[in-house]
N, C-alpha and C. Protein backbone atom coordinates (compact mmCIF):
# COMPACT_ATOMS: atom_id res chain seq x y z
N MET A 1 -19.85 3.18 -22.33
CA MET A 1 -20.52 1.66 -22.09
C MET A 1 -21.06 2.78 -20.62
N ALA A 2 -22.92 2.77 -20.78
CA ALA A 2 -23.34 3.33 -20.01
C ALA A 2 -23.97 2.24 -19.17
N PHE A 3 -23.85 2.15 -17.86
CA PHE A 3 -23.57 1.56 -16.89
C PHE A 3 -24.01 1.49 -15.19
N THR A 4 -25.69 1.87 -15.63
CA THR A 4 -26.44 2.95 -14.44
C THR A 4 -27.20 2.37 -13.52
N THR A 5 -27.26 0.95 -13.46
CA THR A 5 -27.64 0.38 -12.89
C THR A 5 -27.69 0.71 -10.84
N ARG A 6 -28.36 0.91 -10.09
CA ARG A 6 -27.85 0.93 -9.04
C ARG A 6 -26.73 0.36 -8.14
N LYS A 7 -26.64 -0.78 -8.36
CA LYS A 7 -25.57 -1.44 -7.71
C LYS A 7 -24.31 -1.86 -9.59
N SER A 8 -22.99 -0.84 -8.54
CA SER A 8 -22.71 -1.02 -9.89
C SER A 8 -21.12 -2.04 -10.03
N LEU A 9 -20.79 -2.06 -10.82
CA LEU A 9 -20.26 -2.95 -11.65
C LEU A 9 -19.78 -3.65 -11.18
N LEU A 10 -18.35 -2.77 -10.27
CA LEU A 10 -17.73 -2.85 -9.34
C LEU A 10 -17.90 -3.82 -8.42
N ALA A 11 -18.99 -3.63 -7.84
CA ALA A 11 -19.79 -3.79 -6.62
C ALA A 11 -20.17 -4.99 -6.97
N LYS A 12 -20.91 -5.31 -8.03
CA LYS A 12 -20.99 -7.00 -8.54
C LYS A 12 -19.39 -7.39 -8.47
N VAL A 13 -19.13 -7.47 -8.66
CA VAL A 13 -17.80 -8.28 -9.35
C VAL A 13 -17.40 -8.40 -7.76
N ARG A 14 -17.08 -7.44 -6.63
CA ARG A 14 -16.73 -7.72 -5.08
C ARG A 14 -17.77 -8.79 -4.49
N SER A 15 -19.20 -8.42 -4.66
CA SER A 15 -19.60 -9.84 -4.11
C SER A 15 -19.87 -11.15 -4.98
N GLY A 16 -19.61 -10.92 -5.48
CA GLY A 16 -19.27 -12.64 -6.18
C GLY A 16 -19.92 -12.71 -7.30
N ASP A 17 -21.36 -12.17 -7.68
CA ASP A 17 -22.01 -11.88 -9.02
C ASP A 17 -21.15 -11.96 -10.01
N GLU A 18 -22.42 -12.66 -11.29
CA GLU A 18 -21.38 -13.09 -11.98
C GLU A 18 -21.69 -11.89 -12.95
N VAL A 19 -20.41 -11.06 -13.80
CA VAL A 19 -20.79 -10.47 -14.55
C VAL A 19 -20.27 -10.28 -16.48
N ALA A 20 -20.92 -10.00 -17.28
CA ALA A 20 -20.51 -10.43 -18.47
C ALA A 20 -19.83 -9.79 -19.13
N TRP A 21 -18.91 -10.82 -20.09
CA TRP A 21 -17.99 -10.35 -20.24
C TRP A 21 -17.63 -8.79 -21.01
N ALA A 22 -18.57 -8.60 -21.42
CA ALA A 22 -18.66 -7.61 -22.76
C ALA A 22 -19.19 -6.11 -21.58
N GLU A 23 -19.49 -6.04 -20.65
CA GLU A 23 -19.52 -5.43 -19.88
C GLU A 23 -17.60 -4.68 -19.16
N PHE A 24 -17.40 -5.92 -18.44
CA PHE A 24 -16.22 -6.34 -17.71
C PHE A 24 -14.96 -5.66 -18.56
N TYR A 25 -14.88 -6.62 -19.45
CA TYR A 25 -13.80 -5.71 -21.25
C TYR A 25 -14.48 -4.52 -21.04
N ALA A 26 -15.01 -3.92 -21.40
CA ALA A 26 -15.54 -2.07 -21.44
C ALA A 26 -15.08 -1.95 -20.43
N THR A 27 -15.26 -2.19 -19.27
CA THR A 27 -14.57 -1.17 -18.03
C THR A 27 -13.43 -1.37 -17.88
N TYR A 28 -12.36 -2.62 -18.30
CA TYR A 28 -11.66 -2.65 -17.54
C TYR A 28 -10.03 -2.29 -18.45
N LYS A 29 -10.85 -2.39 -19.68
CA LYS A 29 -9.63 -2.37 -21.29
C LYS A 29 -9.03 -0.97 -20.84
N PRO A 30 -9.68 0.37 -21.32
CA PRO A 30 -9.11 1.38 -20.67
C PRO A 30 -8.15 1.65 -19.27
N LEU A 31 -8.33 0.77 -18.04
CA LEU A 31 -7.77 0.91 -17.11
C LEU A 31 -6.29 -0.02 -17.63
N ILE A 32 -6.05 -0.89 -18.12
CA ILE A 32 -5.40 -1.51 -17.72
C ILE A 32 -4.04 -1.34 -19.54
N LEU A 33 -4.21 0.03 -19.85
CA LEU A 33 -4.18 0.77 -21.24
C LEU A 33 -3.08 1.95 -20.77
N LEU A 34 -3.88 2.47 -19.51
CA LEU A 34 -3.39 3.62 -18.96
C LEU A 34 -1.91 3.27 -18.03
N ILE A 35 -2.60 2.20 -17.32
CA ILE A 35 -0.90 1.30 -16.43
C ILE A 35 -0.36 1.17 -17.59
N GLY A 36 -0.28 0.72 -19.02
CA GLY A 36 0.92 -0.07 -20.01
C GLY A 36 1.06 1.54 -20.23
N ASP A 37 0.65 2.54 -20.85
CA ASP A 37 1.30 3.87 -20.83
C ASP A 37 1.94 4.35 -19.75
N ASP A 38 1.73 4.44 -17.97
CA ASP A 38 2.70 4.25 -17.86
C ASP A 38 4.05 3.86 -17.79
N HIS A 39 3.85 2.67 -18.27
CA HIS A 39 5.12 2.37 -18.16
C HIS A 39 5.66 1.11 -19.20
N GLY A 40 5.88 2.63 -20.29
CA GLY A 40 6.33 2.90 -21.46
C GLY A 40 6.09 1.30 -22.40
N LEU A 41 4.61 0.56 -22.49
CA LEU A 41 4.52 0.02 -23.53
C LEU A 41 4.06 -0.05 -24.49
N THR A 42 4.61 -0.59 -25.60
CA THR A 42 4.44 0.32 -26.59
C THR A 42 2.81 -0.23 -27.15
N TYR A 43 1.98 0.51 -28.52
CA TYR A 43 0.32 -0.32 -28.80
C TYR A 43 0.89 -1.88 -28.83
N ASP A 44 1.13 -2.15 -29.57
CA ASP A 44 1.22 -3.85 -29.63
C ASP A 44 1.33 -4.33 -28.25
N GLU A 45 2.18 -4.07 -27.77
CA GLU A 45 2.53 -4.54 -26.30
C GLU A 45 1.37 -4.07 -24.97
N LYS A 46 0.49 -2.98 -25.29
CA LYS A 46 -0.21 -2.60 -24.72
C LYS A 46 -1.53 -3.84 -25.06
N GLN A 47 -2.10 -4.31 -26.37
CA GLN A 47 -2.73 -5.46 -26.78
C GLN A 47 -2.53 -6.30 -25.93
N GLU A 48 -1.31 -6.78 -26.09
CA GLU A 48 -0.87 -7.79 -25.56
C GLU A 48 -1.64 -8.07 -24.09
N LEU A 49 -0.68 -6.91 -23.11
CA LEU A 49 -1.17 -7.02 -22.29
C LEU A 49 -2.75 -7.56 -21.77
N ILE A 50 -3.49 -6.80 -22.21
CA ILE A 50 -4.68 -6.99 -22.36
C ILE A 50 -5.48 -7.57 -22.23
N GLN A 51 -4.62 -8.45 -23.68
CA GLN A 51 -5.31 -10.08 -23.51
C GLN A 51 -4.95 -11.37 -22.94
N LYS A 52 -3.41 -11.13 -22.70
CA LYS A 52 -2.89 -11.86 -21.15
C LYS A 52 -4.46 -11.85 -20.11
N VAL A 53 -4.35 -10.25 -20.10
CA VAL A 53 -5.21 -10.43 -18.67
C VAL A 53 -6.12 -10.77 -18.91
N MET A 54 -7.02 -10.70 -19.75
CA MET A 54 -8.79 -11.13 -19.68
C MET A 54 -8.62 -12.48 -19.88
N CYS A 55 -7.45 -13.02 -20.73
CA CYS A 55 -7.54 -14.88 -20.85
C CYS A 55 -7.37 -14.90 -19.58
N GLU A 56 -7.24 -14.74 -18.40
CA GLU A 56 -6.39 -14.96 -16.70
C GLU A 56 -7.67 -14.80 -16.42
N ILE A 57 -8.28 -13.75 -16.45
CA ILE A 57 -9.38 -13.62 -15.83
C ILE A 57 -10.47 -14.33 -15.77
N PHE A 58 -10.62 -14.90 -16.97
CA PHE A 58 -11.62 -15.09 -17.57
C PHE A 58 -11.15 -17.20 -17.38
N GLN A 59 -9.87 -17.19 -16.94
CA GLN A 59 -9.76 -18.27 -17.43
C GLN A 59 -10.05 -19.25 -18.61
N LYS A 60 -10.80 -18.86 -19.74
CA LYS A 60 -11.26 -19.56 -20.61
C LYS A 60 -10.06 -19.01 -21.74
N ASP A 61 -9.94 -19.73 -22.96
CA ASP A 61 -9.37 -19.24 -24.04
C ASP A 61 -10.84 -18.13 -24.59
N ILE A 62 -10.54 -16.96 -25.00
CA ILE A 62 -10.65 -16.18 -24.82
C ILE A 62 -10.39 -15.22 -26.59
N ILE A 63 -9.17 -15.14 -26.17
CA ILE A 63 -9.12 -14.66 -27.66
C ILE A 63 -8.36 -15.75 -28.47
N GLY A 64 -8.77 -15.36 -29.61
CA GLY A 64 -8.33 -17.01 -30.86
C GLY A 64 -10.32 -17.43 -31.11
N LYS A 65 -10.35 -18.06 -29.81
CA LYS A 65 -12.20 -17.81 -29.81
C LYS A 65 -13.15 -17.32 -30.52
N TYR A 66 -12.83 -16.05 -30.02
CA TYR A 66 -14.46 -14.42 -30.17
C TYR A 66 -13.17 -13.65 -30.18
N ASP A 67 -14.11 -12.69 -31.43
CA ASP A 67 -13.51 -11.47 -31.00
C ASP A 67 -13.53 -10.71 -29.99
N PRO A 68 -12.76 -9.67 -29.62
CA PRO A 68 -12.84 -9.51 -28.09
C PRO A 68 -13.84 -8.56 -27.82
N ASP A 69 -13.73 -7.49 -28.75
CA ASP A 69 -15.17 -6.90 -28.19
C ASP A 69 -16.52 -7.18 -28.76
N ASN A 70 -16.12 -8.15 -29.40
CA ASN A 70 -18.22 -8.93 -29.21
C ASN A 70 -17.96 -10.50 -28.93
N ILE A 71 -18.17 -10.61 -27.89
CA ILE A 71 -17.96 -11.91 -26.85
C ILE A 71 -19.52 -11.80 -26.28
N PRO A 72 -19.71 -12.93 -26.68
CA PRO A 72 -21.49 -13.59 -26.68
C PRO A 72 -21.77 -13.24 -24.65
N GLU A 73 -23.18 -12.57 -24.51
CA GLU A 73 -23.60 -12.72 -23.85
C GLU A 73 -23.11 -13.85 -22.07
N ASP A 74 -23.00 -14.70 -22.77
CA ASP A 74 -23.36 -15.46 -22.15
C ASP A 74 -22.14 -16.30 -21.05
N VAL A 75 -20.88 -15.36 -21.65
CA VAL A 75 -19.58 -15.82 -21.46
C VAL A 75 -18.96 -15.00 -20.00
N VAL A 76 -19.05 -15.00 -18.36
CA VAL A 76 -19.86 -14.71 -17.87
C VAL A 76 -18.04 -14.68 -17.08
N PHE A 77 -17.86 -13.59 -16.10
CA PHE A 77 -16.85 -13.48 -14.98
C PHE A 77 -17.61 -13.95 -13.89
N LYS A 78 -16.94 -14.32 -12.57
CA LYS A 78 -17.67 -14.62 -11.19
C LYS A 78 -16.26 -14.46 -9.94
N TYR A 79 -16.07 -13.36 -9.97
CA TYR A 79 -14.90 -13.60 -9.04
C TYR A 79 -15.20 -14.28 -7.43
N ASP A 80 -14.63 -14.33 -7.02
CA ASP A 80 -14.60 -15.03 -5.21
C ASP A 80 -13.91 -14.54 -4.39
N PRO A 81 -14.41 -13.88 -3.77
CA PRO A 81 -14.14 -12.93 -2.32
C PRO A 81 -13.45 -13.16 -1.71
N ALA A 82 -13.39 -14.72 -1.75
CA ALA A 82 -12.38 -15.39 -0.78
C ALA A 82 -10.80 -14.76 -1.34
N LYS A 83 -10.34 -14.62 -1.92
CA LYS A 83 -9.42 -14.50 -2.71
C LYS A 83 -8.59 -13.27 -2.27
N GLY A 84 -9.61 -12.19 -1.67
CA GLY A 84 -9.43 -10.93 -1.00
C GLY A 84 -9.79 -10.25 -2.06
N ARG A 85 -9.56 -8.71 -1.72
CA ARG A 85 -9.85 -7.37 -2.32
C ARG A 85 -9.32 -7.80 -3.87
N PHE A 86 -10.41 -7.17 -4.67
CA PHE A 86 -11.03 -7.59 -6.07
C PHE A 86 -9.19 -6.50 -6.74
N LYS A 87 -9.45 -5.35 -6.37
CA LYS A 87 -8.72 -4.21 -6.73
C LYS A 87 -6.94 -4.89 -6.59
N HIS A 88 -7.06 -5.57 -5.54
CA HIS A 88 -5.13 -6.06 -5.36
C HIS A 88 -5.19 -7.46 -6.29
N PHE A 89 -6.36 -8.37 -6.31
CA PHE A 89 -6.16 -9.79 -7.32
C PHE A 89 -5.90 -9.40 -8.75
N PHE A 90 -6.99 -7.81 -9.01
CA PHE A 90 -6.34 -7.23 -10.99
C PHE A 90 -5.47 -7.00 -11.05
N ARG A 91 -4.71 -6.58 -10.27
CA ARG A 91 -3.86 -5.60 -9.93
C ARG A 91 -2.59 -6.62 -9.84
N LYS A 92 -2.38 -7.60 -9.46
CA LYS A 92 -1.10 -8.83 -9.23
C LYS A 92 -0.95 -9.30 -11.22
N ILE A 93 -2.33 -9.99 -11.29
CA ILE A 93 -2.30 -10.44 -12.91
C ILE A 93 -1.79 -9.63 -13.63
N VAL A 94 -2.20 -8.43 -13.51
CA VAL A 94 -1.98 -6.92 -14.34
C VAL A 94 -0.01 -7.13 -14.72
N ARG A 95 0.18 -6.46 -13.34
CA ARG A 95 1.71 -6.74 -13.35
C ARG A 95 2.36 -7.88 -13.52
N ASN A 96 1.83 -8.90 -13.00
CA ASN A 96 2.60 -10.37 -13.78
C ASN A 96 2.67 -10.29 -15.16
N GLN A 97 1.50 -10.22 -15.95
CA GLN A 97 1.34 -10.18 -17.45
C GLN A 97 2.45 -9.16 -18.29
N ALA A 98 2.84 -8.01 -17.14
CA ALA A 98 3.45 -7.02 -17.87
C ALA A 98 5.22 -7.21 -18.05
N ILE A 99 4.94 -7.79 -16.70
CA ILE A 99 6.54 -8.47 -16.68
C ILE A 99 6.76 -9.62 -17.91
N LYS A 100 5.63 -10.37 -17.33
CA LYS A 100 6.33 -11.07 -18.76
C LYS A 100 6.49 -10.55 -19.94
N ILE A 101 5.96 -9.37 -20.49
CA ILE A 101 6.47 -8.91 -22.00
C ILE A 101 7.45 -8.43 -21.49
N TYR A 102 7.69 -7.03 -20.32
CA TYR A 102 9.10 -6.66 -20.05
C TYR A 102 10.50 -8.39 -20.63
N HIS A 103 10.42 -9.25 -20.29
CA HIS A 103 11.10 -9.64 -20.17
C HIS A 103 11.67 -10.58 -22.10
N LYS A 104 10.10 -11.03 -22.26
CA LYS A 104 10.04 -10.69 -23.95
C LYS A 104 10.84 -9.61 -24.75
N ARG A 105 10.64 -8.51 -24.04
CA ARG A 105 10.89 -7.40 -24.75
C ARG A 105 12.58 -7.97 -24.84
N LYS A 106 13.18 -7.96 -23.63
CA LYS A 106 14.83 -7.88 -23.59
C LYS A 106 15.16 -8.81 -24.70
N ASP A 107 14.64 -10.08 -24.42
CA ASP A 107 15.19 -11.32 -24.94
C ASP A 107 14.93 -11.36 -26.39
N HIS A 108 14.30 -10.01 -27.27
CA HIS A 108 14.46 -9.59 -28.14
C HIS A 108 15.31 -8.27 -29.11
N LEU A 109 16.00 -7.54 -28.15
CA LEU A 109 17.12 -6.71 -27.72
C LEU A 109 18.48 -6.69 -26.86
N SER A 110 18.78 -6.09 -27.66
CA SER A 110 19.74 -6.02 -26.80
C SER A 110 20.33 -6.12 -25.26
N ILE A 111 21.02 -6.66 -25.06
CA ILE A 111 21.17 -6.55 -22.98
C ILE A 111 21.65 -5.36 -23.06
N ASP A 112 22.56 -4.62 -23.67
CA ASP A 112 22.79 -3.64 -23.30
C ASP A 112 22.73 -2.80 -24.42
N ASP A 113 21.03 -2.55 -24.55
CA ASP A 113 20.41 -1.69 -25.31
C ASP A 113 20.13 0.20 -24.33
N GLU A 114 20.77 0.53 -24.66
CA GLU A 114 20.66 1.63 -23.38
C GLU A 114 18.74 2.56 -23.33
N ASN A 115 18.64 2.23 -24.43
CA ASN A 115 17.07 2.76 -24.32
C ASN A 115 15.70 1.88 -23.78
N LEU A 116 16.39 1.11 -23.80
CA LEU A 116 15.69 0.11 -23.22
C LEU A 116 14.92 0.44 -21.24
N PRO A 117 13.42 0.94 -21.15
CA PRO A 117 13.28 0.87 -20.10
C PRO A 117 13.87 0.47 -19.05
N PRO A 118 14.47 0.55 -17.67
CA PRO A 118 14.17 -0.50 -16.54
C PRO A 118 12.90 -0.96 -16.50
N ILE A 119 12.24 -2.49 -15.30
CA ILE A 119 11.45 -2.82 -15.37
C ILE A 119 10.97 -1.95 -14.03
N PRO A 120 9.64 -1.09 -13.99
CA PRO A 120 9.31 -1.05 -12.67
C PRO A 120 9.25 -1.70 -11.87
N THR A 121 10.07 -1.68 -10.79
CA THR A 121 9.54 -1.61 -9.07
C THR A 121 8.45 -1.96 -9.04
N GLU A 122 8.32 -2.48 -7.63
CA GLU A 122 7.00 -3.18 -7.41
C GLU A 122 6.93 -1.52 -6.36
N ASP A 123 7.53 -0.86 -5.75
CA ASP A 123 6.68 -0.02 -5.60
C ASP A 123 6.53 0.97 -6.72
N GLN A 124 7.13 1.15 -7.55
CA GLN A 124 7.01 2.30 -8.43
C GLN A 124 5.01 1.95 -9.40
N TRP A 125 5.35 0.87 -9.40
CA TRP A 125 4.17 -0.06 -10.29
C TRP A 125 2.52 0.28 -9.42
N ASN A 126 2.96 -0.09 -7.92
CA ASN A 126 1.97 -0.15 -7.18
C ASN A 126 1.58 1.65 -6.82
N ALA A 127 2.32 2.44 -7.19
CA ALA A 127 2.10 4.07 -6.92
C ALA A 127 1.66 4.54 -7.97
N SER A 128 1.57 4.02 -9.36
CA SER A 128 1.00 4.41 -10.67
C SER A 128 -0.47 3.57 -10.80
N TRP A 129 -0.40 2.16 -9.90
CA TRP A 129 -1.31 1.55 -10.15
C TRP A 129 -2.73 1.70 -9.42
N ASP A 130 -2.33 2.85 -7.79
CA ASP A 130 -3.43 3.25 -7.35
C ASP A 130 -3.34 4.54 -8.01
N GLU A 131 -2.86 5.06 -8.31
CA GLU A 131 -2.61 6.67 -9.38
C GLU A 131 -4.03 5.97 -10.46
N GLU A 132 -4.05 5.42 -10.85
CA GLU A 132 -4.82 4.80 -12.45
C GLU A 132 -6.02 4.54 -11.90
N TRP A 133 -6.13 3.95 -10.57
CA TRP A 133 -7.19 3.11 -10.24
C TRP A 133 -8.52 3.91 -9.82
N LYS A 134 -7.73 5.46 -8.42
CA LYS A 134 -8.73 6.42 -8.05
C LYS A 134 -9.21 7.02 -9.46
N LYS A 135 -8.57 6.95 -11.14
CA LYS A 135 -9.12 7.80 -11.58
C LYS A 135 -10.23 6.80 -12.27
N HIS A 136 -9.59 5.55 -12.68
CA HIS A 136 -11.30 4.92 -12.67
C HIS A 136 -11.84 4.49 -11.37
N ILE A 137 -12.03 4.68 -10.48
CA ILE A 137 -13.43 4.49 -10.00
C ILE A 137 -14.31 5.64 -9.96
N LEU A 138 -13.18 7.15 -10.12
CA LEU A 138 -13.98 8.42 -10.48
C LEU A 138 -14.90 8.19 -12.01
N ASN A 139 -14.31 7.84 -12.48
CA ASN A 139 -15.04 7.33 -14.11
C ASN A 139 -16.21 6.77 -13.59
N MET A 140 -15.89 5.66 -12.83
CA MET A 140 -17.13 4.84 -12.65
C MET A 140 -18.42 5.77 -11.71
N ALA A 141 -17.97 6.24 -11.56
CA ALA A 141 -18.55 7.36 -10.35
C ALA A 141 -19.23 7.84 -10.40
N LEU A 142 -18.61 8.89 -12.16
CA LEU A 142 -19.49 9.74 -12.56
C LEU A 142 -20.57 9.23 -13.55
N THR A 143 -20.07 8.43 -14.00
CA THR A 143 -21.10 7.30 -14.95
C THR A 143 -22.49 6.93 -14.59
N GLU A 144 -22.10 6.54 -12.67
CA GLU A 144 -22.63 6.31 -11.80
C GLU A 144 -24.00 7.36 -11.83
N LEU A 145 -23.62 8.73 -11.57
CA LEU A 145 -24.35 9.27 -10.92
C LEU A 145 -24.73 9.76 -12.05
N ARG A 146 -25.29 9.76 -13.41
CA ARG A 146 -25.27 10.59 -14.93
C ARG A 146 -26.50 9.43 -14.44
N GLY A 147 -26.77 8.61 -13.91
CA GLY A 147 -28.14 7.54 -14.67
C GLY A 147 -28.59 7.90 -13.00
N ARG A 148 -28.30 8.12 -11.70
CA ARG A 148 -28.66 8.77 -10.99
C ARG A 148 -30.26 10.40 -10.74
N VAL A 149 -29.59 11.14 -11.14
CA VAL A 149 -29.95 12.24 -11.04
C VAL A 149 -30.66 12.60 -12.98
N LYS A 150 -31.01 13.52 -12.46
CA LYS A 150 -31.61 14.94 -14.17
C LYS A 150 -31.10 14.84 -14.81
N PRO A 151 -31.27 14.36 -15.79
CA PRO A 151 -29.97 14.99 -16.69
C PRO A 151 -29.63 16.56 -17.43
N GLU A 152 -30.21 17.37 -16.82
CA GLU A 152 -30.18 18.61 -16.26
C GLU A 152 -29.92 18.78 -15.48
N THR A 153 -30.01 18.69 -14.35
CA THR A 153 -29.00 18.18 -12.65
C THR A 153 -27.28 17.91 -13.19
N PHE A 154 -27.09 16.89 -13.87
CA PHE A 154 -25.33 16.42 -14.49
C PHE A 154 -25.31 17.45 -15.12
N VAL A 155 -25.84 17.71 -16.22
CA VAL A 155 -25.18 18.75 -16.99
C VAL A 155 -24.68 20.19 -16.19
N ALA A 156 -25.56 20.93 -15.40
CA ALA A 156 -25.40 21.37 -14.59
C ALA A 156 -24.26 21.44 -13.65
N PHE A 157 -23.76 20.26 -12.92
CA PHE A 157 -22.60 20.12 -12.06
C PHE A 157 -21.83 20.02 -13.37
N GLU A 158 -21.59 19.08 -14.35
CA GLU A 158 -20.16 18.78 -15.32
C GLU A 158 -19.48 20.22 -15.85
N MET A 159 -20.56 21.19 -15.80
CA MET A 159 -20.35 22.43 -16.79
C MET A 159 -19.77 23.22 -15.52
N TYR A 160 -20.57 23.66 -14.58
CA TYR A 160 -20.23 24.12 -13.90
C TYR A 160 -18.83 23.72 -12.48
N ALA A 161 -18.74 22.23 -12.48
CA ALA A 161 -18.13 22.17 -11.02
C ALA A 161 -16.69 21.71 -11.90
N MET A 162 -17.43 20.58 -13.51
CA MET A 162 -16.06 19.72 -13.98
C MET A 162 -15.34 20.64 -15.01
N HIS A 163 -15.92 21.63 -15.87
CA HIS A 163 -15.81 21.93 -17.06
C HIS A 163 -15.48 23.71 -16.38
N ARG A 164 -15.87 24.18 -15.41
CA ARG A 164 -15.13 25.96 -15.22
C ARG A 164 -15.72 26.66 -15.54
N LYS A 165 -17.25 25.63 -16.19
CA LYS A 165 -18.38 27.72 -16.60
C LYS A 165 -17.74 28.69 -15.51
N THR A 166 -18.47 29.23 -16.18
CA THR A 166 -19.19 30.19 -13.96
C THR A 166 -20.74 30.10 -14.14
N VAL A 167 -21.27 29.72 -13.58
CA VAL A 167 -22.65 30.17 -12.86
C VAL A 167 -23.47 30.70 -13.45
N GLU A 168 -23.12 32.15 -14.02
CA GLU A 168 -23.43 32.48 -14.52
C GLU A 168 -24.25 31.69 -16.45
N GLU A 169 -23.28 31.27 -16.65
CA GLU A 169 -22.82 30.80 -18.18
C GLU A 169 -23.81 29.88 -17.81
N VAL A 170 -23.82 28.98 -17.14
CA VAL A 170 -24.42 27.24 -16.79
C VAL A 170 -25.58 27.78 -16.81
N ALA A 171 -26.12 29.06 -15.86
CA ALA A 171 -28.29 28.99 -16.13
C ALA A 171 -27.89 29.58 -17.40
N GLU A 172 -27.62 30.43 -17.94
CA GLU A 172 -27.88 31.00 -19.63
C GLU A 172 -28.35 29.59 -20.12
N PHE A 173 -27.27 28.47 -19.64
CA PHE A 173 -26.87 27.75 -21.16
C PHE A 173 -29.08 27.35 -20.51
N LEU A 174 -28.93 26.44 -19.76
CA LEU A 174 -29.59 25.41 -19.26
C LEU A 174 -31.09 26.29 -18.77
N ASN A 175 -31.70 27.55 -19.30
CA ASN A 175 -32.26 28.39 -18.86
C ASN A 175 -33.03 28.05 -17.48
N ILE A 176 -32.03 27.97 -16.89
CA ILE A 176 -32.11 27.77 -15.28
C ILE A 176 -31.57 29.06 -14.66
N SER A 177 -32.26 29.31 -12.98
CA SER A 177 -31.29 30.39 -11.76
C SER A 177 -30.00 29.68 -11.53
N VAL A 178 -30.10 30.72 -11.24
CA VAL A 178 -28.19 30.73 -10.72
C VAL A 178 -28.53 30.14 -9.05
N SER A 179 -29.38 29.99 -8.82
CA SER A 179 -29.51 29.14 -7.48
C SER A 179 -29.12 27.18 -7.16
N SER A 180 -30.22 27.31 -8.69
CA SER A 180 -30.39 26.01 -9.54
C SER A 180 -29.64 25.53 -9.75
N VAL A 181 -28.44 25.72 -10.03
CA VAL A 181 -27.06 25.80 -10.15
C VAL A 181 -26.38 25.67 -9.68
N TYR A 182 -26.70 26.22 -8.04
CA TYR A 182 -25.73 25.42 -7.10
C TYR A 182 -26.64 24.62 -5.66
N THR A 183 -27.64 24.41 -6.49
CA THR A 183 -28.21 23.07 -5.85
C THR A 183 -27.62 22.06 -6.75
N ALA A 184 -27.45 21.77 -7.92
CA ALA A 184 -27.54 21.25 -8.59
C ALA A 184 -25.51 20.19 -8.20
N LYS A 185 -24.98 21.67 -8.42
CA LYS A 185 -23.62 20.99 -7.77
C LYS A 185 -23.68 20.21 -6.44
N SER A 186 -24.41 20.83 -5.89
CA SER A 186 -24.52 20.45 -3.93
C SER A 186 -24.91 18.74 -4.54
N ARG A 187 -25.51 18.85 -4.51
CA ARG A 187 -26.37 17.57 -5.07
C ARG A 187 -25.53 16.66 -5.39
N CYS A 188 -24.97 16.70 -6.59
CA CYS A 188 -24.48 16.32 -6.87
C CYS A 188 -23.12 15.43 -6.56
N ILE A 189 -23.04 16.27 -6.48
CA ILE A 189 -20.98 16.28 -4.82
C ILE A 189 -21.71 15.39 -4.01
N THR A 190 -22.46 15.73 -3.00
CA THR A 190 -23.11 14.62 -2.22
C THR A 190 -23.27 13.27 -2.31
N ALA A 191 -23.65 12.79 -4.32
CA ALA A 191 -23.94 11.99 -4.25
C ALA A 191 -22.66 10.85 -4.84
N LEU A 192 -21.93 12.30 -5.45
CA LEU A 192 -20.35 11.70 -5.88
C LEU A 192 -19.46 10.93 -5.01
N LYS A 193 -20.14 11.89 -3.76
CA LYS A 193 -18.76 10.99 -2.35
C LYS A 193 -19.48 10.10 -1.85
N GLU A 194 -20.82 9.62 -1.88
CA GLU A 194 -21.98 8.64 -1.47
C GLU A 194 -21.30 6.87 -2.72
N ILE A 195 -21.28 7.26 -4.00
CA ILE A 195 -20.85 6.24 -4.88
C ILE A 195 -19.91 6.15 -4.72
N ILE A 196 -18.58 6.83 -4.43
CA ILE A 196 -17.36 6.73 -4.27
C ILE A 196 -17.14 5.52 -3.28
N LYS A 197 -17.46 6.44 -2.01
CA LYS A 197 -17.46 5.23 -0.82
C LYS A 197 -17.83 4.25 -1.22
N GLU A 198 -19.69 3.40 -1.51
CA GLU A 198 -20.00 2.62 -2.43
C GLU A 198 -18.61 1.30 -3.43
N LEU A 199 -18.11 2.79 -4.47
CA LEU A 199 -17.05 1.19 -5.65
C LEU A 199 -15.86 1.63 -4.35
N GLU A 200 -15.24 1.84 -3.07
CA GLU A 200 -14.05 1.93 -2.98
C GLU A 200 -13.36 0.62 -2.46
N ASP A 201 -12.43 -0.12 -3.19
CA ASP A 201 -12.17 -1.48 -2.24
C ASP A 201 -11.22 -0.97 -1.04
N LYS A 202 -12.96 -1.76 -0.20
CA LYS A 202 -12.06 -1.47 1.06
C LYS A 202 -11.33 -2.78 1.98
């Protein structure tokens, strides 16, 4: 998903602006999947977690009424900033729904099953969430950065700073000077720090 307007999706959510379901779903579905992976949920359980979280977020009977990947644009989410930080609000919903899935799993398995993984403690859950949230913010920031700088500048930064190509390889590939590669990296890092600062849930 290319979300490259000046106002990031997370900033829109936190300010209480309406956000289209499709945009919200595409952005936060990967985060939920990563959390599910971290805590040993099966493929079907992760799909169930996504559905339950999204239904609670939107407070509508989304699943069953629409195809989750093709929700009409007029179905929107509007967060009330008075509820506190969105990061914490979202984490609580995901964790609560995951715990329900853990309990549901135990109801179908022997309570003595040694292969049954324990339900993560709150500290374990929070540590995992914080790590995945940081990755999520970085990915959003990189998407935003791509829309703020020239394509050549972003590619030079991506190849040199992220994929660890040598400055000479990048310069030759893009047919630019070595100094231009260094400039692109510096410009992008500065912009990326600013974007992450904008995105961070304070």
